[in-house]
């Protein structure tokens, strides 16, 4: 199943610290040789100030070799740099810890800077020193401390570029410490910052590069948000709301079509609950329909067993092929870093989709046949189908005849007025478009007739 692993595709869009959990997961799954994954972990760790972690990885890779002297030198430099940066930021840290200062600060950052300068003689360089100290703490592996320092820096700083960088750092810290509520708030704030920088407001000469930078930023947000959306309790619904919006769907189709795996999985995971929740948004309720259209469009760029399962089920209506793809999809989900814990839920919802589609085109269904299509034994399938009908809206239409071992589907016909509404829903728009189409040639003819013939007096 290594061919379906997306770790090496996703890691280039992550900070190196966010890549460590993915590599640790690959060690557990054994999709790749363990020593190869450990070598990748070591190469990443060498670029940080987590010297002890890098040394432990070196010892795993080379148990019979002595630890290189470069590590002791790097450890000393890291300790001295940490002490220096802490001293530079200490004046501001002492002020921040004063409860009177927190009460005196206002929304206006310029007013806050003036207050800190007059009251405590603090400068912009000292505020920037707090950013440098927080950034170094992050490279050191002190994610909780780095999150606090970057947050306080952002409250005081007026430097937009450094503030944006602090947003990214704070989000990474919240992800790595597992603070999913805070991470979601940080993600939404960062997305607003990136989306608010409209390229149309810039000079024409820089519009193209600004648009490209915005596309790159949104691509990184898409990948970082996977950590949040697949750990937050409402994450799958929020993923669909965000990724199926025109802006981010265009980003995914342009830069990272492999994210379709996660949209498709979120749609499958949300389908059963969305069908029973009346206040679910239209985008969530119809997410399967939307994602199937995108899967068809982007099939030339990306496909895997999860996307193929939806295609076979909703485009080809090939239940045998969908069953084969589901068998593979279950293994893909189990091995995926973001999806692994949803394996049972994914399988349950996928079976619900098969049952729903199968019941939609049949009036009389053999329970044994449907159980086989769900990869269940007859007894397991019978219990599963009974629970499905009891828990979902299918109960109003489906009745089980246990003597004949069949399901009878009794669909009530649509009310006449509902049929009329459905058939005439777009009538006004089509009539208007037809009228406009007929009017344009008529206006063009009148305009030609009103123009004088060339050379006429």
Protein backbone atom coordinates (compact mmCIF):
# COMPACT_ATOMS: atom_id res chain seq x y z
CA UNK A 1 0.00 0.00 0.00
CA UNK A 2 3.05 2.30 -0.07
CA UNK A 3 2.01 3.64 -3.48
CA UNK A 4 -1.02 5.30 -1.85
CA UNK A 5 0.93 6.96 0.96
CA UNK A 6 0.84 10.78 0.70
CA UNK A 7 3.45 11.59 3.35
CA UNK A 8 6.21 12.43 0.88
CA UNK A 9 3.73 14.55 -1.09
CA UNK A 10 2.43 16.49 1.93
CA UNK A 11 5.70 17.04 3.86
CA UNK A 12 7.07 19.70 1.43
CA UNK A 13 4.10 21.90 2.45
CA UNK A 14 4.76 21.54 6.19
CA UNK A 15 7.18 23.05 8.64
CA UNK A 16 9.85 20.49 9.53
CA UNK A 17 8.50 20.18 13.08
CA UNK A 18 5.05 19.26 11.72
CA UNK A 19 6.70 16.59 9.57
CA UNK A 20 8.01 14.67 12.59
CA UNK A 21 4.59 13.19 13.54
CA UNK A 22 4.08 11.96 9.96
CA UNK A 23 7.47 10.25 9.92
CA UNK A 24 6.86 8.71 13.35
CA UNK A 25 3.60 7.30 11.97
CA UNK A 26 5.46 5.77 9.01
CA UNK A 27 7.73 3.95 11.44
CA UNK A 28 4.64 2.38 13.02
CA UNK A 29 2.95 1.40 9.75
CA UNK A 30 6.11 -0.15 8.25
CA UNK A 31 5.04 0.96 4.77
CA UNK A 32 8.69 1.82 4.12
CA UNK A 33 11.93 0.38 5.54
CA UNK A 34 12.30 1.69 9.09
CA UNK A 35 15.93 2.71 8.62
CA UNK A 36 14.94 4.86 5.62
CA UNK A 37 12.32 6.69 7.67
CA UNK A 38 14.74 7.14 10.57
CA UNK A 39 17.27 8.61 8.16
CA UNK A 40 14.66 11.13 7.04
CA UNK A 41 13.87 11.96 10.68
CA UNK A 42 17.57 12.50 11.33
CA UNK A 43 18.00 14.83 8.36
CA UNK A 44 15.06 16.91 9.55
CA UNK A 45 16.24 16.98 13.18
CA UNK A 46 19.70 18.20 12.17
CA UNK A 47 18.11 21.43 10.94
CA UNK A 48 16.64 22.22 14.37
CA UNK A 49 18.11 23.03 17.77
CA UNK A 50 16.73 19.79 19.25
CA UNK A 51 20.25 18.41 19.61
CA UNK A 52 19.41 15.57 22.00
CA UNK A 53 16.70 14.29 19.66
CA UNK A 54 19.08 14.37 16.70
CA UNK A 55 21.69 12.47 18.77
CA UNK A 56 19.16 9.76 19.69
CA UNK A 57 18.28 9.33 16.01
CA UNK A 58 21.97 9.10 15.09
CA UNK A 59 22.45 6.37 17.69
CA UNK A 60 19.51 4.41 16.23
CA UNK A 61 20.95 4.67 12.72
CA UNK A 62 24.58 4.07 13.68
CA UNK A 63 24.62 2.06 16.93
CA UNK A 64 28.30 1.11 16.52
CA UNK A 65 29.64 4.59 15.77
CA UNK A 66 30.70 7.35 18.11
CA UNK A 67 28.59 10.50 18.30
CA UNK A 68 30.18 13.22 16.11
CA UNK A 69 31.83 16.14 17.94
CA UNK A 70 29.70 18.59 15.97
CA UNK A 71 26.74 17.83 18.23
CA UNK A 72 28.49 18.97 21.39
CA UNK A 73 29.46 22.23 19.70
CA UNK A 74 25.95 22.73 18.40
CA UNK A 75 24.51 22.11 21.88
CA UNK A 76 26.80 24.76 23.39
CA UNK A 77 25.88 27.29 20.68
CA UNK A 78 22.16 26.59 21.18
CA UNK A 79 22.42 27.14 24.95
CA UNK A 80 24.39 30.37 24.56
CA UNK A 81 22.00 31.67 21.87
CA UNK A 82 19.02 30.89 24.06
CA UNK A 83 20.54 32.79 26.99
CA UNK A 84 21.36 35.79 24.79
CA UNK A 85 17.90 36.00 23.24
CA UNK A 86 16.27 35.63 26.64
CA UNK A 87 18.34 38.52 28.01
CA UNK A 88 17.36 40.69 25.03
CA UNK A 89 13.67 39.94 25.56
CA UNK A 90 13.76 39.94 29.37
CA UNK A 91 12.80 43.60 29.76
CA UNK A 92 9.62 43.05 27.76
CA UNK A 93 8.93 39.72 29.48
CA UNK A 94 9.03 41.44 32.87
CA UNK A 95 6.56 44.05 31.66
CA UNK A 96 4.19 41.45 30.18
CA UNK A 97 4.05 39.56 33.48
CA UNK A 98 2.85 42.73 35.23
CA UNK A 99 -0.98 42.46 35.61
CA UNK A 100 -1.34 46.26 35.52
CA UNK A 101 0.08 46.33 32.00
CA UNK A 102 -2.48 43.81 30.70
CA UNK A 103 -5.30 46.00 32.03
CA UNK A 104 -3.80 49.15 30.50
CA UNK A 105 -3.38 47.77 26.97
CA UNK A 106 -5.97 48.73 24.34
CA UNK A 107 -6.97 47.60 20.84
CA UNK A 108 -4.88 50.35 19.23
CA UNK A 109 -1.34 48.96 18.90
CA UNK A 110 0.22 52.37 18.27
CA UNK A 111 -1.33 53.64 21.47
CA UNK A 112 0.03 50.59 23.31
CA UNK A 113 3.53 51.21 21.94
CA UNK A 114 3.37 54.83 23.06
CA UNK A 115 2.22 53.72 26.51
CA UNK A 116 5.03 51.13 26.86
CA UNK A 117 7.63 53.62 25.66
CA UNK A 118 6.55 56.36 28.05
CA UNK A 119 5.89 54.12 31.06
CA UNK A 120 8.58 51.42 30.72
CA UNK A 121 10.98 52.84 28.12
CA UNK A 122 10.41 49.88 25.76
CA UNK A 123 11.37 50.10 22.08
CA UNK A 124 10.39 48.35 18.87
CA UNK A 125 13.69 46.46 18.92
CA UNK A 126 12.82 44.94 22.30
CA UNK A 127 9.42 43.84 20.97
CA UNK A 128 11.16 42.24 17.96
CA UNK A 129 13.51 40.52 20.42
CA UNK A 130 10.47 38.74 21.86
CA UNK A 131 9.67 37.39 18.39
CA UNK A 132 13.24 36.14 17.97
CA UNK A 133 13.15 34.48 21.39
CA UNK A 134 9.81 32.80 20.64
CA UNK A 135 11.05 31.59 17.27
CA UNK A 136 14.18 30.11 18.86
CA UNK A 137 12.10 28.36 21.52
CA UNK A 138 10.15 26.74 18.69
CA UNK A 139 13.33 25.41 17.06
CA UNK A 140 14.35 24.19 20.52
CA UNK A 141 11.16 22.11 20.81
CA UNK A 142 9.61 24.26 23.57
CA UNK A 143 6.31 24.62 21.70
CA UNK A 144 4.20 25.73 24.68
CA UNK A 145 6.61 28.53 25.60
CA UNK A 146 6.99 29.59 21.98
CA UNK A 147 3.20 29.87 21.63
CA UNK A 148 3.03 32.28 24.60
CA UNK A 149 5.89 34.46 23.36
CA UNK A 150 4.57 34.66 19.80
CA UNK A 151 1.09 35.50 21.07
CA UNK A 152 2.34 38.40 23.20
CA UNK A 153 4.53 39.62 20.36
CA UNK A 154 1.55 39.69 18.03
CA UNK A 155 -0.50 41.70 20.51
CA UNK A 156 2.13 44.46 20.56
CA UNK A 157 3.78 44.40 17.14
CA UNK A 158 2.78 46.61 14.19
CA UNK A 159 5.04 44.77 11.71
CA UNK A 160 2.60 42.98 9.36
CA UNK A 161 5.17 40.53 7.97
CA UNK A 162 6.43 39.45 11.39
CA UNK A 163 2.87 39.25 12.68
CA UNK A 164 1.95 36.88 9.83
CA UNK A 165 5.05 34.79 10.57
CA UNK A 166 4.03 34.72 14.25
CA UNK A 167 0.56 33.51 13.20
CA UNK A 168 2.13 30.54 11.38
CA UNK A 169 4.39 29.79 14.34
CA UNK A 170 1.56 30.01 16.87
CA UNK A 171 -0.60 27.68 14.74
CA UNK A 172 2.23 25.14 14.52
CA UNK A 173 2.73 25.29 18.31
CA UNK A 174 -0.98 24.74 18.98
CA UNK A 175 -1.01 21.76 16.61
CA UNK A 176 2.08 20.17 18.15
CA UNK A 177 0.73 20.62 21.70
CA UNK A 178 -2.71 19.25 20.72
CA UNK A 179 -4.70 22.37 21.67
CA UNK A 180 -7.31 21.89 18.97
CA UNK A 181 -9.81 24.58 20.01
CA UNK A 182 -7.06 27.19 20.10
CA UNK A 183 -5.56 25.82 16.88
CA UNK A 184 -8.92 26.16 15.13
CA UNK A 185 -9.21 29.81 16.22
CA UNK A 186 -5.64 30.44 15.06
CA UNK A 187 -6.33 28.72 11.74
CA UNK A 188 -9.41 30.85 11.09
CA UNK A 189 -7.50 34.03 11.98
CA UNK A 190 -4.60 33.11 9.70
CA UNK A 191 -6.99 32.28 6.86
CA UNK A 192 -8.63 35.69 7.25
CA UNK A 193 -5.20 37.36 7.14
CA UNK A 194 -4.23 35.55 3.93
CA UNK A 195 -7.62 36.06 2.24
CA UNK A 196 -7.75 39.76 3.14
CA UNK A 197 -4.63 40.53 1.17
CA UNK A 198 -6.43 41.07 -2.13
CA UNK A 199 -4.03 41.22 -5.10
CA UNK A 200 -6.43 43.57 -6.90
CA UNK A 201 -5.52 46.32 -4.43
CA UNK A 202 -1.86 46.23 -5.48
CA UNK A 203 -0.04 47.78 -8.41
CA UNK A 204 -0.49 46.04 -11.73
CA UNK A 205 3.21 45.15 -11.89
CA UNK A 206 3.03 43.23 -8.60
CA UNK A 207 -0.46 41.75 -8.96
CA UNK A 208 0.77 38.51 -10.57
CA UNK A 209 3.42 37.81 -7.91
CA UNK A 210 0.96 38.75 -5.14
CA UNK A 211 -1.62 36.35 -6.56
CA UNK A 212 0.99 33.60 -6.72
CA UNK A 213 2.08 34.25 -3.13
CA UNK A 214 -1.54 34.15 -2.01
CA UNK A 215 -2.02 30.83 -3.82
CA UNK A 216 1.08 29.43 -2.10
CA UNK A 217 -0.14 30.62 1.31
CA UNK A 218 -3.55 29.04 0.79
CA UNK A 219 -1.90 25.80 -0.31
CA UNK A 220 0.09 25.69 2.93
CA UNK A 221 -3.04 26.52 4.95
CA UNK A 222 -4.86 23.59 3.30
CA UNK A 223 -2.14 21.16 4.39
CA UNK A 224 -1.68 22.53 7.91
CA UNK A 225 -5.43 22.57 8.48
CA UNK A 226 -5.58 18.79 8.01
CA UNK A 227 -4.07 18.41 11.50
CA UNK A 228 -6.86 20.54 12.97
CA UNK A 229 -9.81 19.26 10.95
CA UNK A 230 -9.09 15.59 11.65
CA UNK A 231 -8.65 16.13 15.39
CA UNK A 232 -11.28 18.74 16.27
CA UNK A 233 -14.72 17.23 17.13
CA UNK A 234 -16.47 19.26 14.38
CA UNK A 235 -13.46 19.18 12.09
CA UNK A 236 -14.85 17.09 9.24
CA UNK A 237 -17.87 19.37 8.82
CA UNK A 238 -15.63 22.46 8.99
CA UNK A 239 -13.31 20.92 6.40
CA UNK A 240 -16.18 20.53 3.95
CA UNK A 241 -17.36 24.09 4.60
CA UNK A 242 -13.88 25.46 3.89
CA UNK A 243 -12.47 23.22 1.17
CA UNK A 244 -15.65 23.20 -0.94
CA UNK A 245 -15.85 27.00 -0.95
CA UNK A 246 -14.91 28.35 -4.42
CA UNK A 247 -11.65 29.96 -3.25
CA UNK A 248 -10.15 26.91 -1.59
CA UNK A 249 -11.57 24.38 -4.03
CA UNK A 250 -9.82 26.33 -6.80
CA UNK A 251 -6.61 26.26 -4.74
CA UNK A 252 -6.85 22.49 -4.28
CA UNK A 253 -7.57 21.83 -7.95
CA UNK A 254 -4.68 24.09 -8.99
CA UNK A 255 -1.97 23.23 -6.48
CA UNK A 256 -2.76 20.08 -4.51
CA UNK A 257 -5.35 17.73 -6.08
CA UNK A 258 -4.27 14.94 -3.69
CA UNK A 259 -6.25 16.74 -0.95
CA UNK A 260 -9.33 15.34 -2.71
CA UNK A 261 -8.68 12.19 -0.65
CA UNK A 262 -9.41 14.12 2.55
CA UNK A 263 -12.42 15.97 1.15
CA UNK A 264 -13.88 12.68 -0.08
CA UNK A 265 -13.24 11.00 3.28
CA UNK A 266 -14.77 13.93 5.20
CA UNK A 267 -17.83 13.79 2.93
CA UNK A 268 -18.20 10.05 3.56
CA UNK A 269 -17.72 10.48 7.31
CA UNK A 270 -20.31 13.28 7.42
CA UNK A 271 -22.90 11.69 5.13
CA UNK A 272 -24.73 9.55 7.67
CA UNK A 273 -24.89 12.29 10.31
CA UNK A 274 -25.80 14.99 7.77
CA UNK A 275 -28.74 12.90 6.58
CA UNK A 276 -30.21 12.87 10.08
CA UNK A 277 -29.37 16.47 11.11
CA UNK A 278 -31.94 18.97 9.87
CA UNK A 279 -29.80 22.06 10.48
CA UNK A 280 -26.77 20.80 8.54
CA UNK A 281 -25.66 23.33 5.93
CA UNK A 282 -26.51 22.81 2.29
CA UNK A 283 -22.83 22.43 1.42
CA UNK A 284 -22.43 19.58 3.93
CA UNK A 285 -25.69 17.85 2.93
CA UNK A 286 -24.76 17.92 -0.75
CA UNK A 287 -21.01 17.45 -0.29
CA UNK A 288 -21.02 13.99 -1.87
CA UNK A 289 -22.60 15.37 -5.03
CA UNK A 290 -20.08 18.23 -5.22
CA UNK A 291 -17.02 16.11 -4.55
CA UNK A 292 -18.06 13.50 -7.12
CA UNK A 293 -18.14 16.23 -9.80
CA UNK A 294 -14.66 17.39 -8.77
CA UNK A 295 -13.35 13.81 -8.75
CA UNK A 296 -14.54 13.39 -12.33
CA UNK A 297 -12.90 16.65 -13.36
CA UNK A 298 -9.57 15.98 -11.64
CA UNK A 299 -9.31 12.26 -12.38
CA UNK A 300 -6.50 12.92 -14.84
CA UNK A 301 -4.45 14.50 -12.01
CA UNK A 302 -5.27 12.34 -9.02
CA UNK A 303 -7.19 9.23 -8.04
CA UNK A 304 -6.96 6.65 -5.26
CA UNK A 305 -9.27 3.91 -3.89
CA UNK A 306 -11.28 6.44 -1.84
CA UNK A 307 -12.05 8.75 -4.76
CA UNK A 308 -12.54 5.74 -7.06
CA UNK A 309 -15.07 4.28 -4.60
CA UNK A 310 -17.25 7.38 -4.92
CA UNK A 311 -16.85 7.44 -8.68
CA UNK A 312 -17.83 3.80 -9.12
CA UNK A 313 -20.80 4.21 -6.78
CA UNK A 314 -22.24 7.51 -8.03
CA UNK A 315 -21.03 7.84 -11.63
CA UNK A 316 -20.72 4.28 -12.93
CA UNK A 317 -23.29 2.73 -10.55
CA UNK A 318 -21.04 -0.33 -10.53
CA UNK A 319 -21.61 -1.88 -7.11
CA UNK A 320 -19.11 -4.70 -7.62
CA UNK A 321 -16.36 -2.24 -8.54
CA UNK A 322 -17.34 -0.02 -5.61
CA UNK A 323 -17.05 -3.05 -3.32
CA UNK A 324 -13.53 -3.77 -4.61
CA UNK A 325 -12.48 -0.13 -4.20
CA UNK A 326 -13.91 -0.04 -0.68
CA UNK A 327 -11.72 -3.00 0.31
CA UNK A 328 -8.65 -1.06 -0.83
CA UNK A 329 -9.96 2.23 0.59
CA UNK A 330 -10.27 0.69 4.04
CA UNK A 331 -6.56 -0.14 4.01
CA UNK A 332 -5.65 3.31 2.67
CA UNK A 333 -7.61 4.96 5.49
CA UNK A 334 -6.02 2.67 8.10
CA UNK A 335 -2.49 3.60 6.95
CA UNK A 336 -3.07 7.32 6.49
CA UNK A 337 -1.70 9.55 9.27
CA UNK A 338 -4.77 11.81 9.37
CA UNK A 339 -7.44 9.15 8.75
CA UNK A 340 -6.28 6.09 10.67
CA UNK A 341 -8.46 6.55 13.74
CA UNK A 342 -11.58 6.93 11.54
CA UNK A 343 -11.26 3.49 9.92
CA UNK A 344 -14.34 1.90 11.53
CA UNK A 345 -16.43 5.05 11.14
CA UNK A 346 -15.37 5.36 7.50
CA UNK A 347 -16.33 1.76 6.78
CA UNK A 348 -19.70 2.16 8.49
CA UNK A 349 -20.52 5.32 6.53
CA UNK A 350 -19.31 3.84 3.24
CA UNK A 351 -21.64 0.87 3.76
CA UNK A 352 -24.42 3.35 4.44
CA UNK A 353 -23.72 5.01 1.08
CA UNK A 354 -23.79 1.65 -0.73
CA UNK A 355 -27.07 0.72 0.97
CA UNK A 356 -28.59 4.11 0.20
CA UNK A 357 -27.62 3.95 -3.48
CA UNK A 358 -28.70 0.30 -3.80
CA UNK A 359 -32.07 0.96 -2.19
CA UNK A 360 -32.63 3.98 -4.40
CA UNK A 361 -32.66 1.90 -7.59
CA UNK A 362 -34.35 -1.26 -6.25
CA UNK A 363 -37.78 -1.95 -4.80
CA UNK A 364 -37.06 -5.48 -3.57
CA UNK A 365 -33.63 -6.35 -2.17
CA UNK A 366 -32.26 -9.69 -1.08
CA UNK A 367 -30.54 -9.22 2.29
CA UNK A 368 -27.91 -11.84 1.49
CA UNK A 369 -27.02 -10.10 -1.77
CA UNK A 370 -26.76 -6.70 -0.09
CA UNK A 371 -24.67 -8.18 2.74
CA UNK A 372 -22.25 -9.57 0.18
CA UNK A 373 -21.93 -6.13 -1.45
CA UNK A 374 -21.16 -4.67 1.99
CA UNK A 375 -18.41 -7.27 2.61
CA UNK A 376 -20.40 -8.74 5.53
CA UNK A 377 -21.59 -12.22 6.39
CA UNK A 378 -25.34 -12.87 6.13
CA UNK A 379 -25.86 -12.61 9.91
CA UNK A 380 -23.67 -9.50 10.23
CA UNK A 381 -25.36 -7.94 7.21
CA UNK A 382 -28.84 -8.60 8.59
CA UNK A 383 -27.98 -6.94 11.92
CA UNK A 384 -26.29 -4.02 10.18
CA UNK A 385 -29.23 -3.41 7.82
CA UNK A 386 -31.75 -3.58 10.68
CA UNK A 387 -29.76 -0.98 12.64
CA UNK A 388 -29.38 1.20 9.55
CA UNK A 389 -33.12 1.26 8.85
CA UNK A 390 -33.89 1.91 12.51
CA UNK A 391 -31.39 4.81 12.83
CA UNK A 392 -31.96 6.63 9.54
CA UNK A 393 -34.81 8.06 7.50
CA UNK A 394 -34.92 4.84 5.43
CA UNK A 395 -37.18 3.46 8.14
CA UNK A 396 -40.16 5.30 6.66
CA UNK A 397 -39.66 3.62 3.27
CA UNK A 398 -38.04 0.24 3.95
CA UNK A 399 -39.64 -2.80 5.58
CA UNK A 400 -37.85 -6.06 6.30
CA UNK A 401 -39.52 -9.39 5.59
CA UNK A 402 -37.42 -11.82 7.62
CA UNK A 403 -39.33 -14.86 6.38
CA UNK A 404 -38.44 -14.10 2.76
CA UNK A 405 -35.14 -12.49 3.83
CA UNK A 406 -35.80 -9.43 1.68
CA UNK A 407 -36.22 -5.66 2.10
CA UNK A 408 -39.29 -4.08 0.54
CA UNK A 409 -38.93 -0.44 -0.49
CA UNK A 410 -42.20 1.52 -0.60
CA UNK A 411 -41.64 5.05 -1.86
CA UNK A 412 -44.48 7.51 -1.60
CA UNK A 413 -44.93 9.48 -4.82
CA UNK A 414 -43.95 13.14 -4.89
CA UNK A 415 -46.88 15.54 -4.35
CA UNK A 416 -48.10 17.08 -7.59
CA UNK A 417 -47.19 20.62 -6.53
CA UNK A 418 -43.65 19.47 -5.62
CA UNK A 419 -43.24 17.90 -9.07
CA UNK A 420 -44.38 21.12 -10.72
CA UNK A 421 -41.94 23.16 -8.61
CA UNK A 422 -39.04 20.86 -9.52
CA UNK A 423 -39.80 20.98 -13.25
CA UNK A 424 -40.35 24.75 -13.38
CA UNK A 425 -37.56 25.73 -10.97
CA UNK A 426 -35.38 27.27 -13.69
CA UNK A 427 -38.15 28.29 -16.08
CA UNK A 428 -37.99 32.03 -15.32
CA UNK A 429 -34.21 32.11 -15.75
CA UNK A 430 -34.32 30.16 -19.01
CA UNK A 431 -37.09 32.40 -20.35
CA UNK A 432 -35.07 35.49 -19.52
CA UNK A 433 -31.95 34.04 -21.15
CA UNK A 434 -33.94 33.10 -24.26
CA UNK A 435 -35.43 36.60 -24.46
CA UNK A 436 -32.01 38.19 -24.13
CA UNK A 437 -30.62 35.92 -26.82
CA UNK A 438 -33.41 36.86 -29.24
CA UNK A 439 -33.16 40.57 -28.42
CA UNK A 440 -29.45 40.95 -29.12
CA UNK A 441 -29.58 40.09 -32.88
CA UNK A 442 -32.63 42.38 -33.24
CA UNK A 443 -30.78 45.28 -31.63
CA UNK A 444 -27.71 44.66 -33.76
CA UNK A 445 -29.88 44.76 -36.94
CA UNK A 446 -31.47 48.07 -35.88
CA UNK A 447 -28.06 49.54 -35.11
CA UNK A 448 -26.72 48.58 -38.55
CA UNK A 449 -29.76 50.09 -40.24
CA UNK A 450 -29.39 53.38 -38.31
CA UNK A 451 -25.74 53.83 -39.38
CA UNK A 452 -25.22 55.98 -42.56
CA UNK A 453 -23.81 54.29 -45.61
CA UNK A 454 -20.16 55.15 -46.14
CA UNK A 455 -19.78 58.04 -48.62
CA UNK A 456 -23.43 59.14 -48.32
CA UNK A 457 -24.15 62.89 -47.98
